[in-house]
Amino acid sequence: MQICDRWMQEGTIDRHGRSHPPQYTTSRENRQIVRIAMTDRSVTSRTVAQHIESVTYHSLYARTIRRRLQQSGLTASRPLLGLSLTQNHSAANGVMKEGCRWQNKMKLSLLTSHASVCNTTMVGF
């Protein structure tokens, strides 16, 4: 199959003729996703997706938002178990490394080290 035919069928191809899925967000949307996440540190990926959709009329999945944040150097992680803790455990669990911001909710939060802005991590609780 020729490169032109693959492009017509699948949308895009790279320089070497291999096909790959199309990018669903524009670079402008990617910048907006990162800006929203950096501005509001307690925002969820679903909220960001809803905001982008209201502005651009382009629907996005929350997973797409998390991928774009990861591609921008913000990593998303989740706890291994989503068990609800008793009040005693919650109080003990609220202590974290010095210099980090902690939120004991099921939201995505940015944890920023005071030493460097480059040590910004997107963490899901």
PDB file of N, CA and C in Angstrom:
ATOM      1  N   MET A   1       0.852  -1.173   0.000  1.00  0.00           N
ATOM      2  CA  MET A   1       0.000   0.000   0.000  1.00  0.00           C
ATOM      3  C   MET A   1       0.902   1.241   0.000  1.00  0.00           C
ATOM      4  N   GLN A   2       0.569   2.199  -0.788  1.00  0.00           N
ATOM      5  CA  GLN A   2       1.381   3.397  -0.886  1.00  0.00           C
ATOM      6  C   GLN A   2       1.092   4.342   0.268  1.00  0.00           C
ATOM      7  N   ILE A   3       2.042   5.246   0.508  1.00  0.00           N
ATOM      8  CA  ILE A   3       1.928   6.197   1.608  1.00  0.00           C
ATOM      9  C   ILE A   3       0.671   7.045   1.468  1.00  0.00           C
ATOM     10  N   CYS A   4       0.375   7.472   0.259  1.00  0.00           N
ATOM     11  CA  CYS A   4      -0.806   8.306   0.031  1.00  0.00           C
ATOM     12  C   CYS A   4      -2.086   7.558   0.408  1.00  0.00           C
ATOM     13  N   ASP A   5      -2.151   6.277   0.041  1.00  0.00           N
ATOM     14  CA  ASP A   5      -3.334   5.474   0.371  1.00  0.00           C
ATOM     15  C   ASP A   5      -3.481   5.297   1.882  1.00  0.00           C
ATOM     16  N   ARG A   6      -2.359   5.059   2.574  1.00  0.00           N
ATOM     17  CA  ARG A   6      -2.408   4.907   4.029  1.00  0.00           C
ATOM     18  C   ARG A   6      -2.873   6.193   4.688  1.00  0.00           C
ATOM     19  N   TRP A   7      -2.393   7.312   4.163  1.00  0.00           N
ATOM     20  CA  TRP A   7      -2.795   8.597   4.740  1.00  0.00           C
ATOM     21  C   TRP A   7      -4.292   8.811   4.564  1.00  0.00           C
ATOM     22  N   MET A   8      -4.808   8.454   3.406  1.00  0.00           N
ATOM     23  CA  MET A   8      -6.234   8.629   3.147  1.00  0.00           C
ATOM     24  C   MET A   8      -7.074   7.727   4.056  1.00  0.00           C
ATOM     25  N   GLN A   9      -6.573   6.521   4.360  1.00  0.00           N
ATOM     26  CA  GLN A   9      -7.326   5.589   5.187  1.00  0.00           C
ATOM     27  C   GLN A   9      -7.199   5.891   6.682  1.00  0.00           C
ATOM     28  N   GLU A  10      -5.984   6.184   7.144  1.00  0.00           N
ATOM     29  CA  GLU A  10      -5.731   6.247   8.579  1.00  0.00           C
ATOM     30  C   GLU A  10      -5.519   7.650   9.122  1.00  0.00           C
ATOM     31  N   GLY A  11      -5.312   8.623   8.292  1.00  0.00           N
ATOM     32  CA  GLY A  11      -5.186   9.989   8.780  1.00  0.00           C
ATOM     33  C   GLY A  11      -3.801  10.563   8.693  1.00  0.00           C
ATOM     34  N   THR A  12      -2.794   9.907   9.256  1.00  0.00           N
ATOM     35  CA  THR A  12      -1.441  10.459   9.237  1.00  0.00           C
ATOM     36  C   THR A  12      -0.411   9.349   9.089  1.00  0.00           C
ATOM     37  N   ILE A  13       0.769   9.717   8.650  1.00  0.00           N
ATOM     38  CA  ILE A  13       1.904   8.803   8.587  1.00  0.00           C
ATOM     39  C   ILE A  13       3.151   9.571   8.970  1.00  0.00           C
ATOM     40  N   ASP A  14       4.187   8.864   9.400  1.00  0.00           N
ATOM     41  CA  ASP A  14       5.429   9.553   9.727  1.00  0.00           C
ATOM     42  C   ASP A  14       6.357   9.555   8.517  1.00  0.00           C
ATOM     43  N   ARG A  15       7.578  10.090   8.699  1.00  0.00           N
ATOM     44  CA  ARG A  15       8.516  10.243   7.587  1.00  0.00           C
ATOM     45  C   ARG A  15       8.915   8.918   6.958  1.00  0.00           C
ATOM     46  N   HIS A  16       8.871   7.847   7.744  1.00  0.00           N
ATOM     47  CA  HIS A  16       9.339   6.559   7.255  1.00  0.00           C
ATOM     48  C   HIS A  16       8.216   5.708   6.675  1.00  0.00           C
ATOM     49  N   GLY A  17       7.029   6.284   6.537  1.00  0.00           N
ATOM     50  CA  GLY A  17       5.936   5.555   5.927  1.00  0.00           C
ATOM     51  C   GLY A  17       5.125   4.710   6.895  1.00  0.00           C
ATOM     52  N   ARG A  18       5.466   4.760   8.186  1.00  0.00           N
ATOM     53  CA  ARG A  18       4.691   4.002   9.168  1.00  0.00           C
ATOM     54  C   ARG A  18       3.496   4.839   9.592  1.00  0.00           C
ATOM     55  N   SER A  19       2.361   4.208   9.714  1.00  0.00           N
ATOM     56  CA  SER A  19       1.176   4.958  10.128  1.00  0.00           C
ATOM     57  C   SER A  19       1.126   5.049  11.649  1.00  0.00           C
ATOM     58  N   HIS A  20       0.523   6.089  12.145  1.00  0.00           N
ATOM     59  CA  HIS A  20       0.314   6.259  13.583  1.00  0.00           C
ATOM     60  C   HIS A  20      -1.000   6.992  13.780  1.00  0.00           C
ATOM     61  N   PRO A  21      -1.599   6.840  14.949  1.00  0.00           N
ATOM     62  CA  PRO A  21      -2.896   7.485  15.160  1.00  0.00           C
ATOM     63  C   PRO A  21      -2.774   9.001  15.150  1.00  0.00           C
ATOM     64  N   PRO A  22      -3.799   9.690  14.718  1.00  0.00           N
ATOM     65  CA  PRO A  22      -3.737  11.151  14.666  1.00  0.00           C
ATOM     66  C   PRO A  22      -3.732  11.771  16.061  1.00  0.00           C
ATOM     67  N   GLN A  23      -3.148  12.942  16.168  1.00  0.00           N
ATOM     68  CA  GLN A  23      -3.138  13.701  17.418  1.00  0.00           C
ATOM     69  C   GLN A  23      -4.526  14.301  17.603  1.00  0.00           C
ATOM     70  N   TYR A  24      -5.160  14.034  18.742  1.00  0.00           N
ATOM     71  CA  TYR A  24      -6.529  14.494  18.950  1.00  0.00           C
ATOM     72  C   TYR A  24      -6.609  15.888  19.544  1.00  0.00           C
ATOM     73  N   THR A  25      -5.507  16.399  20.045  1.00  0.00           N
ATOM     74  CA  THR A  25      -5.512  17.754  20.582  1.00  0.00           C
ATOM     75  C   THR A  25      -4.505  18.597  19.817  1.00  0.00           C
ATOM     76  N   THR A  26      -4.816  19.860  19.659  1.00  0.00           N
ATOM     77  CA  THR A  26      -3.898  20.775  18.995  1.00  0.00           C
ATOM     78  C   THR A  26      -2.852  21.235  20.000  1.00  0.00           C
ATOM     79  N   SER A  27      -1.786  21.841  19.508  1.00  0.00           N
ATOM     80  CA  SER A  27      -0.757  22.351  20.416  1.00  0.00           C
ATOM     81  C   SER A  27      -1.328  23.454  21.305  1.00  0.00           C
ATOM     82  N   ARG A  28      -2.271  24.220  20.775  1.00  0.00           N
ATOM     83  CA  ARG A  28      -2.904  25.264  21.583  1.00  0.00           C
ATOM     84  C   ARG A  28      -3.702  24.643  22.731  1.00  0.00           C
ATOM     85  N   GLU A  29      -4.447  23.567  22.433  1.00  0.00           N
ATOM     86  CA  GLU A  29      -5.194  22.876  23.488  1.00  0.00           C
ATOM     87  C   GLU A  29      -4.248  22.272  24.517  1.00  0.00           C
ATOM     88  N   ASN A  30      -3.130  21.717  24.053  1.00  0.00           N
ATOM     89  CA  ASN A  30      -2.145  21.150  24.977  1.00  0.00           C
ATOM     90  C   ASN A  30      -1.607  22.216  25.923  1.00  0.00           C
ATOM     91  N   ARG A  31      -1.285  23.401  25.392  1.00  0.00           N
ATOM     92  CA  ARG A  31      -0.800  24.494  26.244  1.00  0.00           C
ATOM     93  C   ARG A  31      -1.872  24.919  27.234  1.00  0.00           C
ATOM     94  N   GLN A  32      -3.125  24.943  26.779  1.00  0.00           N
ATOM     95  CA  GLN A  32      -4.228  25.339  27.649  1.00  0.00           C
ATOM     96  C   GLN A  32      -4.434  24.312  28.768  1.00  0.00           C
ATOM     97  N   ILE A  33      -4.291  23.040  28.456  1.00  0.00           N
ATOM     98  CA  ILE A  33      -4.418  21.982  29.461  1.00  0.00           C
ATOM     99  C   ILE A  33      -3.374  22.163  30.553  1.00  0.00           C
ATOM    100  N   VAL A  34      -2.130  22.383  30.148  1.00  0.00           N
ATOM    101  CA  VAL A  34      -1.048  22.564  31.121  1.00  0.00           C
ATOM    102  C   VAL A  34      -1.265  23.835  31.926  1.00  0.00           C
ATOM    103  N   ARG A  35      -1.689  24.911  31.274  1.00  0.00           N
ATOM    104  CA  ARG A  35      -1.911  26.177  31.979  1.00  0.00           C
ATOM    105  C   ARG A  35      -3.003  26.035  33.034  1.00  0.00           C
ATOM    106  N   ILE A  36      -4.085  25.355  32.683  1.00  0.00           N
ATOM    107  CA  ILE A  36      -5.179  25.160  33.638  1.00  0.00           C
ATOM    108  C   ILE A  36      -4.698  24.335  34.826  1.00  0.00           C
ATOM    109  N   ALA A  37      -3.950  23.272  34.552  1.00  0.00           N
ATOM    110  CA  ALA A  37      -3.459  22.410  35.632  1.00  0.00           C
ATOM    111  C   ALA A  37      -2.485  23.149  36.543  1.00  0.00           C
ATOM    112  N   MET A  38      -1.657  24.017  35.969  1.00  0.00           N
ATOM    113  CA  MET A  38      -0.692  24.760  36.778  1.00  0.00           C
ATOM    114  C   MET A  38      -1.372  25.881  37.561  1.00  0.00           C
ATOM    115  N   THR A  39      -2.421  26.473  37.010  1.00  0.00           N
ATOM    116  CA  THR A  39      -3.111  27.577  37.674  1.00  0.00           C
ATOM    117  C   THR A  39      -3.943  27.089  38.846  1.00  0.00           C
ATOM    118  N   ASP A  40      -4.738  26.052  38.626  1.00  0.00           N
ATOM    119  CA  ASP A  40      -5.604  25.511  39.678  1.00  0.00           C
ATOM    120  C   ASP A  40      -5.076  24.138  40.057  1.00  0.00           C
ATOM    121  N   ARG A  41      -4.397  24.065  41.176  1.00  0.00           N
ATOM    122  CA  ARG A  41      -3.720  22.831  41.553  1.00  0.00           C
ATOM    123  C   ARG A  41      -4.654  21.734  42.036  1.00  0.00           C
ATOM    124  N   SER A  42      -5.909  22.048  42.268  1.00  0.00           N
ATOM    125  CA  SER A  42      -6.841  21.021  42.743  1.00  0.00           C
ATOM    126  C   SER A  42      -7.804  20.573  41.649  1.00  0.00           C
ATOM    127  N   VAL A  43      -7.519  20.926  40.416  1.00  0.00           N
ATOM    128  CA  VAL A  43      -8.419  20.610  39.306  1.00  0.00           C
ATOM    129  C   VAL A  43      -8.305  19.127  38.945  1.00  0.00           C
ATOM    130  N   THR A  44      -9.402  18.542  38.530  1.00  0.00           N
ATOM    131  CA  THR A  44      -9.384  17.153  38.075  1.00  0.00           C
ATOM    132  C   THR A  44      -9.256  17.120  36.558  1.00  0.00           C
ATOM    133  N   SER A  45      -8.798  15.997  36.034  1.00  0.00           N
ATOM    134  CA  SER A  45      -8.656  15.870  34.583  1.00  0.00           C
ATOM    135  C   SER A  45     -10.023  15.935  33.900  1.00  0.00           C
ATOM    136  N   ARG A  46     -11.053  15.455  34.562  1.00  0.00           N
ATOM    137  CA  ARG A  46     -12.405  15.525  34.002  1.00  0.00           C
ATOM    138  C   ARG A  46     -12.872  16.977  33.901  1.00  0.00           C
ATOM    139  N   THR A  47     -12.547  17.793  34.906  1.00  0.00           N
ATOM    140  CA  THR A  47     -12.917  19.206  34.889  1.00  0.00           C
ATOM    141  C   THR A  47     -12.194  19.936  33.761  1.00  0.00           C
ATOM    142  N   VAL A  48     -10.913  19.620  33.576  1.00  0.00           N
ATOM    143  CA  VAL A  48     -10.142  20.235  32.488  1.00  0.00           C
ATOM    144  C   VAL A  48     -10.753  19.845  31.144  1.00  0.00           C
ATOM    145  N   ALA A  49     -11.123  18.581  30.997  1.00  0.00           N
ATOM    146  CA  ALA A  49     -11.735  18.121  29.747  1.00  0.00           C
ATOM    147  C   ALA A  49     -13.040  18.864  29.473  1.00  0.00           C
ATOM    148  N   GLN A  50     -13.846  19.071  30.509  1.00  0.00           N
ATOM    149  CA  GLN A  50     -15.101  19.798  30.335  1.00  0.00           C
ATOM    150  C   GLN A  50     -14.847  21.252  29.958  1.00  0.00           C
ATOM    151  N   HIS A  51     -13.820  21.862  30.549  1.00  0.00           N
ATOM    152  CA  HIS A  51     -13.501  23.252  30.225  1.00  0.00           C
ATOM    153  C   HIS A  51     -13.045  23.377  28.770  1.00  0.00           C
ATOM    154  N   ILE A  52     -12.152  22.492  28.345  1.00  0.00           N
ATOM    155  CA  ILE A  52     -11.663  22.518  26.959  1.00  0.00           C
ATOM    156  C   ILE A  52     -12.837  22.332  25.997  1.00  0.00           C
ATOM    157  N   GLU A  53     -13.747  21.418  26.325  1.00  0.00           N
ATOM    158  CA  GLU A  53     -14.900  21.170  25.457  1.00  0.00           C
ATOM    159  C   GLU A  53     -15.815  22.391  25.376  1.00  0.00           C
ATOM    160  N   SER A  54     -15.981  23.104  26.490  1.00  0.00           N
ATOM    161  CA  SER A  54     -16.855  24.282  26.470  1.00  0.00           C
ATOM    162  C   SER A  54     -16.259  25.421  25.650  1.00  0.00           C
ATOM    163  N   VAL A  55     -14.942  25.489  25.586  1.00  0.00           N
ATOM    164  CA  VAL A  55     -14.276  26.565  24.852  1.00  0.00           C
ATOM    165  C   VAL A  55     -14.130  26.225  23.371  1.00  0.00           C
ATOM    166  N   THR A  56     -13.718  24.994  23.076  1.00  0.00           N
ATOM    167  CA  THR A  56     -13.385  24.626  21.699  1.00  0.00           C
ATOM    168  C   THR A  56     -14.445  23.775  21.010  1.00  0.00           C
ATOM    169  N   TYR A  57     -15.449  23.307  21.748  1.00  0.00           N
ATOM    170  CA  TYR A  57     -16.463  22.393  21.223  1.00  0.00           C
ATOM    171  C   TYR A  57     -15.824  21.117  20.689  1.00  0.00           C
ATOM    172  N   HIS A  58     -14.699  20.743  21.265  1.00  0.00           N
ATOM    173  CA  HIS A  58     -13.949  19.553  20.888  1.00  0.00           C
ATOM    174  C   HIS A  58     -13.900  18.671  22.130  1.00  0.00           C
ATOM    175  N   SER A  59     -14.636  17.557  22.119  1.00  0.00           N
ATOM    176  CA  SER A  59     -14.718  16.726  23.319  1.00  0.00           C
ATOM    177  C   SER A  59     -13.432  15.929  23.512  1.00  0.00           C
ATOM    178  N   LEU A  60     -13.012  15.823  24.760  1.00  0.00           N
ATOM    179  CA  LEU A  60     -11.809  15.091  25.122  1.00  0.00           C
ATOM    180  C   LEU A  60     -12.120  14.157  26.277  1.00  0.00           C
ATOM    181  N   TYR A  61     -11.419  13.046  26.330  1.00  0.00           N
ATOM    182  CA  TYR A  61     -11.519  12.153  27.465  1.00  0.00           C
ATOM    183  C   TYR A  61     -10.582  12.639  28.565  1.00  0.00           C
ATOM    184  N   ALA A  62     -10.918  12.304  29.808  1.00  0.00           N
ATOM    185  CA  ALA A  62     -10.049  12.651  30.930  1.00  0.00           C
ATOM    186  C   ALA A  62      -8.689  11.970  30.770  1.00  0.00           C
ATOM    187  N   ARG A  63      -8.670  10.768  30.193  1.00  0.00           N
ATOM    188  CA  ARG A  63      -7.410  10.052  29.966  1.00  0.00           C
ATOM    189  C   ARG A  63      -6.512  10.839  29.008  1.00  0.00           C
ATOM    190  N   THR A  64      -7.093  11.480  28.006  1.00  0.00           N
ATOM    191  CA  THR A  64      -6.313  12.300  27.080  1.00  0.00           C
ATOM    192  C   THR A  64      -5.654  13.449  27.829  1.00  0.00           C
ATOM    193  N   ILE A  65      -6.382  14.054  28.748  1.00  0.00           N
ATOM    194  CA  ILE A  65      -5.826  15.150  29.553  1.00  0.00           C
ATOM    195  C   ILE A  65      -4.635  14.643  30.353  1.00  0.00           C
ATOM    196  N   ARG A  66      -4.786  13.478  30.996  1.00  0.00           N
ATOM    197  CA  ARG A  66      -3.678  12.926  31.787  1.00  0.00           C
ATOM    198  C   ARG A  66      -2.475  12.621  30.908  1.00  0.00           C
ATOM    199  N   ARG A  67      -2.705  12.112  29.701  1.00  0.00           N
ATOM    200  CA  ARG A  67      -1.589  11.836  28.784  1.00  0.00           C
ATOM    201  C   ARG A  67      -0.864  13.117  28.382  1.00  0.00           C
ATOM    202  N   ARG A  68      -1.624  14.170  28.078  1.00  0.00           N
ATOM    203  CA  ARG A  68      -0.999  15.436  27.681  1.00  0.00           C
ATOM    204  C   ARG A  68      -0.196  16.031  28.834  1.00  0.00           C
ATOM    205  N   LEU A  69      -0.693  15.895  30.056  1.00  0.00           N
ATOM    206  CA  LEU A  69       0.063  16.386  31.209  1.00  0.00           C
ATOM    207  C   LEU A  69       1.336  15.570  31.397  1.00  0.00           C
ATOM    208  N   GLN A  70       1.262  14.263  31.179  1.00  0.00           N
ATOM    209  CA  GLN A  70       2.453  13.425  31.268  1.00  0.00           C
ATOM    210  C   GLN A  70       3.461  13.799  30.190  1.00  0.00           C
ATOM    211  N   GLN A  71       2.987  14.060  28.985  1.00  0.00           N
ATOM    212  CA  GLN A  71       3.881  14.447  27.898  1.00  0.00           C
ATOM    213  C   GLN A  71       4.541  15.790  28.164  1.00  0.00           C
ATOM    214  N   SER A  72       3.914  16.610  28.993  1.00  0.00           N
ATOM    215  CA  SER A  72       4.468  17.921  29.333  1.00  0.00           C
ATOM    216  C   SER A  72       5.381  17.863  30.548  1.00  0.00           C
ATOM    217  N   GLY A  73       5.649  16.676  31.042  1.00  0.00           N
ATOM    218  CA  GLY A  73       6.544  16.532  32.179  1.00  0.00           C
ATOM    219  C   GLY A  73       5.844  16.419  33.514  1.00  0.00           C
ATOM    220  N   LEU A  74       4.527  16.446  33.523  1.00  0.00           N
ATOM    221  CA  LEU A  74       3.773  16.251  34.757  1.00  0.00           C
ATOM    222  C   LEU A  74       3.331  14.797  34.783  1.00  0.00           C
ATOM    223  N   THR A  75       3.717  14.066  35.813  1.00  0.00           N
ATOM    224  CA  THR A  75       3.368  12.660  35.866  1.00  0.00           C
ATOM    225  C   THR A  75       2.152  12.452  36.741  1.00  0.00           C
ATOM    226  N   ALA A  76       1.284  11.580  36.317  1.00  0.00           N
ATOM    227  CA  ALA A  76       0.080  11.261  37.082  1.00  0.00           C
ATOM    228  C   ALA A  76       0.268   9.901  37.731  1.00  0.00           C
ATOM    229  N   SER A  77      -0.026   9.823  38.994  1.00  0.00           N
ATOM    230  CA  SER A  77       0.030   8.537  39.673  1.00  0.00           C
ATOM    231  C   SER A  77      -1.167   8.416  40.588  1.00  0.00           C
ATOM    232  N   ARG A  78      -1.521   7.207  40.892  1.00  0.00           N
ATOM    233  CA  ARG A  78      -2.680   6.939  41.729  1.00  0.00           C
ATOM    234  C   ARG A  78      -2.267   5.979  42.831  1.00  0.00           C
ATOM    235  N   PRO A  79      -2.972   5.996  43.955  1.00  0.00           N
ATOM    236  CA  PRO A  79      -2.662   5.027  45.003  1.00  0.00           C
ATOM    237  C   PRO A  79      -2.997   3.613  44.529  1.00  0.00           C
ATOM    238  N   LEU A  80      -2.273   2.633  45.066  1.00  0.00           N
ATOM    239  CA  LEU A  80      -2.512   1.259  44.656  1.00  0.00           C
ATOM    240  C   LEU A  80      -3.899   0.791  45.056  1.00  0.00           C
ATOM    241  N   LEU A  81      -4.328   1.156  46.254  1.00  0.00           N
ATOM    242  CA  LEU A  81      -5.650   0.775  46.728  1.00  0.00           C
ATOM    243  C   LEU A  81      -6.435   2.019  47.072  1.00  0.00           C
ATOM    244  N   GLY A  82      -7.653   2.075  46.660  1.00  0.00           N
ATOM    245  CA  GLY A  82      -8.501   3.223  46.972  1.00  0.00           C
ATOM    246  C   GLY A  82      -9.355   2.967  48.205  1.00  0.00           C
ATOM    247  N   LEU A  83      -8.749   2.436  49.268  1.00  0.00           N
ATOM    248  CA  LEU A  83      -9.493   2.125  50.479  1.00  0.00           C
ATOM    249  C   LEU A  83      -9.755   3.385  51.282  1.00  0.00           C
ATOM    250  N   SER A  84     -10.953   3.486  51.822  1.00  0.00           N
ATOM    251  CA  SER A  84     -11.232   4.621  52.694  1.00  0.00           C
ATOM    252  C   SER A  84     -10.601   4.348  54.053  1.00  0.00           C
ATOM    253  N   LEU A  85      -9.962   5.346  54.616  1.00  0.00           N
ATOM    254  CA  LEU A  85      -9.253   5.193  55.879  1.00  0.00           C
ATOM    255  C   LEU A  85     -10.098   5.720  57.023  1.00  0.00           C
ATOM    256  N   THR A  86      -9.844   5.181  58.209  1.00  0.00           N
ATOM    257  CA  THR A  86     -10.508   5.714  59.391  1.00  0.00           C
ATOM    258  C   THR A  86      -9.932   7.086  59.693  1.00  0.00           C
ATOM    259  N   GLN A  87     -10.545   7.804  60.615  1.00  0.00           N
ATOM    260  CA  GLN A  87     -10.092   9.155  60.921  1.00  0.00           C
ATOM    261  C   GLN A  87      -8.666   9.151  61.473  1.00  0.00           C
ATOM    262  N   ASN A  88      -8.308   8.161  62.290  1.00  0.00           N
ATOM    263  CA  ASN A  88      -6.949   8.076  62.835  1.00  0.00           C
ATOM    264  C   ASN A  88      -5.933   7.854  61.722  1.00  0.00           C
ATOM    265  N   HIS A  89      -6.254   6.964  60.795  1.00  0.00           N
ATOM    266  CA  HIS A  89      -5.345   6.710  59.681  1.00  0.00           C
ATOM    267  C   HIS A  89      -5.246   7.928  58.774  1.00  0.00           C
ATOM    268  N   SER A  90      -6.346   8.605  58.570  1.00  0.00           N
ATOM    269  CA  SER A  90      -6.341   9.784  57.706  1.00  0.00           C
ATOM    270  C   SER A  90      -5.446  10.875  58.274  1.00  0.00           C
ATOM    271  N   ALA A  91      -5.492  11.073  59.592  1.00  0.00           N
ATOM    272  CA  ALA A  91      -4.653  12.093  60.220  1.00  0.00           C
ATOM    273  C   ALA A  91      -3.182  11.737  60.086  1.00  0.00           C
ATOM    274  N   ALA A  92      -2.845  10.470  60.293  1.00  0.00           N
ATOM    275  CA  ALA A  92      -1.455  10.037  60.166  1.00  0.00           C
ATOM    276  C   ALA A  92      -1.014  10.069  58.713  1.00  0.00           C
ATOM    277  N   ASN A  93      -1.933   9.808  57.813  1.00  0.00           N
ATOM    278  CA  ASN A  93      -1.617   9.768  56.391  1.00  0.00           C
ATOM    279  C   ASN A  93      -1.464  11.165  55.799  1.00  0.00           C
ATOM    280  N   GLY A  94      -1.926  12.202  56.504  1.00  0.00           N
ATOM    281  CA  GLY A  94      -1.861  13.566  55.993  1.00  0.00           C
ATOM    282  C   GLY A  94      -0.481  14.177  56.049  1.00  0.00           C
ATOM    283  N   VAL A  95       0.464  13.500  56.687  1.00  0.00           N
ATOM    284  CA  VAL A  95       1.823  14.022  56.786  1.00  0.00           C
ATOM    285  C   VAL A  95       2.609  13.521  55.582  1.00  0.00           C
ATOM    286  N   MET A  96       3.298  14.421  54.903  1.00  0.00           N
ATOM    287  CA  MET A  96       4.058  14.045  53.722  1.00  0.00           C
ATOM    288  C   MET A  96       5.412  14.735  53.761  1.00  0.00           C
ATOM    289  N   LYS A  97       6.241  14.520  52.749  1.00  0.00           N
ATOM    290  CA  LYS A  97       7.563  15.133  52.702  1.00  0.00           C
ATOM    291  C   LYS A  97       7.472  16.646  52.866  1.00  0.00           C
ATOM    292  N   GLU A  98       8.507  17.200  53.488  1.00  0.00           N
ATOM    293  CA  GLU A  98       8.533  18.650  53.681  1.00  0.00           C
ATOM    294  C   GLU A  98       8.645  19.335  52.322  1.00  0.00           C
ATOM    295  N   GLY A  99       7.934  20.432  52.163  1.00  0.00           N
ATOM    296  CA  GLY A  99       7.993  21.194  50.922  1.00  0.00           C
ATOM    297  C   GLY A  99       6.966  20.759  49.895  1.00  0.00           C
ATOM    298  N   CYS A 100       6.101  19.837  50.259  1.00  0.00           N
ATOM    299  CA  CYS A 100       5.085  19.368  49.321  1.00  0.00           C
ATOM    300  C   CYS A 100       3.710  19.800  49.790  1.00  0.00           C
ATOM    301  N   ARG A 101       2.847  19.978  48.846  1.00  0.00           N
ATOM    302  CA  ARG A 101       1.468  20.331  49.160  1.00  0.00           C
ATOM    303  C   ARG A 101       0.650  19.051  49.180  1.00  0.00           C
ATOM    304  N   TRP A 102      -0.139  18.851  50.215  1.00  0.00           N
ATOM    305  CA  TRP A 102      -0.899  17.615  50.371  1.00  0.00           C
ATOM    306  C   TRP A 102      -2.382  17.910  50.394  1.00  0.00           C
ATOM    307  N   GLN A 103      -3.119  17.164  49.644  1.00  0.00           N
ATOM    308  CA  GLN A 103      -4.572  17.235  49.721  1.00  0.00           C
ATOM    309  C   GLN A 103      -5.079  15.818  49.880  1.00  0.00           C
ATOM    310  N   ASN A 104      -5.883  15.604  50.891  1.00  0.00           N
ATOM    311  CA  ASN A 104      -6.382  14.265  51.180  1.00  0.00           C
ATOM    312  C   ASN A 104      -7.751  14.068  50.539  1.00  0.00           C
ATOM    313  N   LYS A 105      -7.851  14.336  49.234  1.00  0.00           N
ATOM    314  CA  LYS A 105      -9.092  14.186  48.488  1.00  0.00           C
ATOM    315  C   LYS A 105      -8.803  13.400  47.222  1.00  0.00           C
ATOM    316  N   MET A 106      -9.857  12.964  46.553  1.00  0.00           N
ATOM    317  CA  MET A 106      -9.691  12.237  45.300  1.00  0.00           C
ATOM    318  C   MET A 106      -9.604  13.221  44.135  1.00  0.00           C
ATOM    319  N   LYS A 107      -8.566  14.033  44.116  1.00  0.00           N
ATOM    320  CA  LYS A 107      -8.357  15.005  43.052  1.00  0.00           C
ATOM    321  C   LYS A 107      -6.911  14.935  42.603  1.00  0.00           C
ATOM    322  N   LEU A 108      -6.640  15.494  41.434  1.00  0.00           N
ATOM    323  CA  LEU A 108      -5.268  15.619  40.978  1.00  0.00           C
ATOM    324  C   LEU A 108      -4.682  16.870  41.604  1.00  0.00           C
ATOM    325  N   SER A 109      -3.532  16.731  42.226  1.00  0.00           N
ATOM    326  CA  SER A 109      -2.892  17.864  42.876  1.00  0.00           C
ATOM    327  C   SER A 109      -1.465  17.975  42.379  1.00  0.00           C
ATOM    328  N   LEU A 110      -0.971  19.181  42.295  1.00  0.00           N
ATOM    329  CA  LEU A 110       0.414  19.394  41.916  1.00  0.00           C
ATOM    330  C   LEU A 110       1.255  19.466  43.172  1.00  0.00           C
ATOM    331  N   LEU A 111       2.315  18.669  43.212  1.00  0.00           N
ATOM    332  CA  LEU A 111       3.249  18.705  44.318  1.00  0.00           C
ATOM    333  C   LEU A 111       4.525  19.354  43.802  1.00  0.00           C
ATOM    334  N   THR A 112       4.891  20.481  44.351  1.00  0.00           N
ATOM    335  CA  THR A 112       6.033  21.229  43.856  1.00  0.00           C
ATOM    336  C   THR A 112       7.090  21.321  44.934  1.00  0.00           C
ATOM    337  N   SER A 113       8.297  20.951  44.595  1.00  0.00           N
ATOM    338  CA  SER A 113       9.411  21.089  45.511  1.00  0.00           C
ATOM    339  C   SER A 113       9.828  22.551  45.546  1.00  0.00           C
ATOM    340  N   HIS A 114      10.183  23.046  46.724  1.00  0.00           N
ATOM    341  CA  HIS A 114      10.629  24.429  46.828  1.00  0.00           C
ATOM    342  C   HIS A 114      11.996  24.623  46.172  1.00  0.00           C
ATOM    343  N   ALA A 115      12.757  23.559  46.023  1.00  0.00           N
ATOM    344  CA  ALA A 115      14.095  23.672  45.460  1.00  0.00           C
ATOM    345  C   ALA A 115      14.064  23.973  43.966  1.00  0.00           C
ATOM    346  N   SER A 116      13.094  23.441  43.266  1.00  0.00           N
ATOM    347  CA  SER A 116      13.091  23.609  41.820  1.00  0.00           C
ATOM    348  C   SER A 116      11.678  23.521  41.275  1.00  0.00           C
ATOM    349  N   VAL A 117      11.375  24.369  40.324  1.00  0.00           N
ATOM    350  CA  VAL A 117      10.076  24.319  39.670  1.00  0.00           C
ATOM    351  C   VAL A 117      10.009  23.102  38.753  1.00  0.00           C
ATOM    352  N   CYS A 118      11.168  22.584  38.352  1.00  0.00           N
ATOM    353  CA  CYS A 118      11.210  21.424  37.472  1.00  0.00           C
ATOM    354  C   CYS A 118      10.740  20.156  38.178  1.00  0.00           C
ATOM    355  N   ASN A 119      10.694  20.166  39.492  1.00  0.00           N
ATOM    356  CA  ASN A 119      10.264  18.993  40.248  1.00  0.00           C
ATOM    357  C   ASN A 119       8.766  19.018  40.498  1.00  0.00           C
ATOM    358  N   THR A 120       8.003  19.374  39.495  1.00  0.00           N
ATOM    359  CA  THR A 120       6.552  19.435  39.631  1.00  0.00           C
ATOM    360  C   THR A 120       5.970  18.095  39.226  1.00  0.00           C
ATOM    361  N   THR A 121       5.111  17.548  40.056  1.00  0.00           N
ATOM    362  CA  THR A 121       4.547  16.239  39.816  1.00  0.00           C
ATOM    363  C   THR A 121       3.037  16.296  39.930  1.00  0.00           C
ATOM    364  N   MET A 122       2.340  15.691  38.984  1.00  0.00           N
ATOM    365  CA  MET A 122       0.886  15.582  39.049  1.00  0.00           C
ATOM    366  C   MET A 122       0.575  14.265  39.737  1.00  0.00           C
ATOM    367  N   VAL A 123      -0.119  14.329  40.853  1.00  0.00           N
ATOM    368  CA  VAL A 123      -0.404  13.138  41.641  1.00  0.00           C
ATOM    369  C   VAL A 123      -1.894  13.049  41.883  1.00  0.00           C
ATOM    370  N   GLY A 124      -2.461  11.879  41.745  1.00  0.00           N
ATOM    371  CA  GLY A 124      -3.882  11.685  42.016  1.00  0.00           C
ATOM    372  C   GLY A 124      -4.104  11.064  43.370  1.00  0.00           C
ATOM    373  N   PHE A 125      -4.976  11.633  44.136  1.00  0.00           N
ATOM    374  CA  PHE A 125      -5.300  11.084  45.459  1.00  0.00           C
ATOM    375  C   PHE A 125      -6.757  10.747  45.492  1.00  0.00           C
TER     376      PHE A 125
END
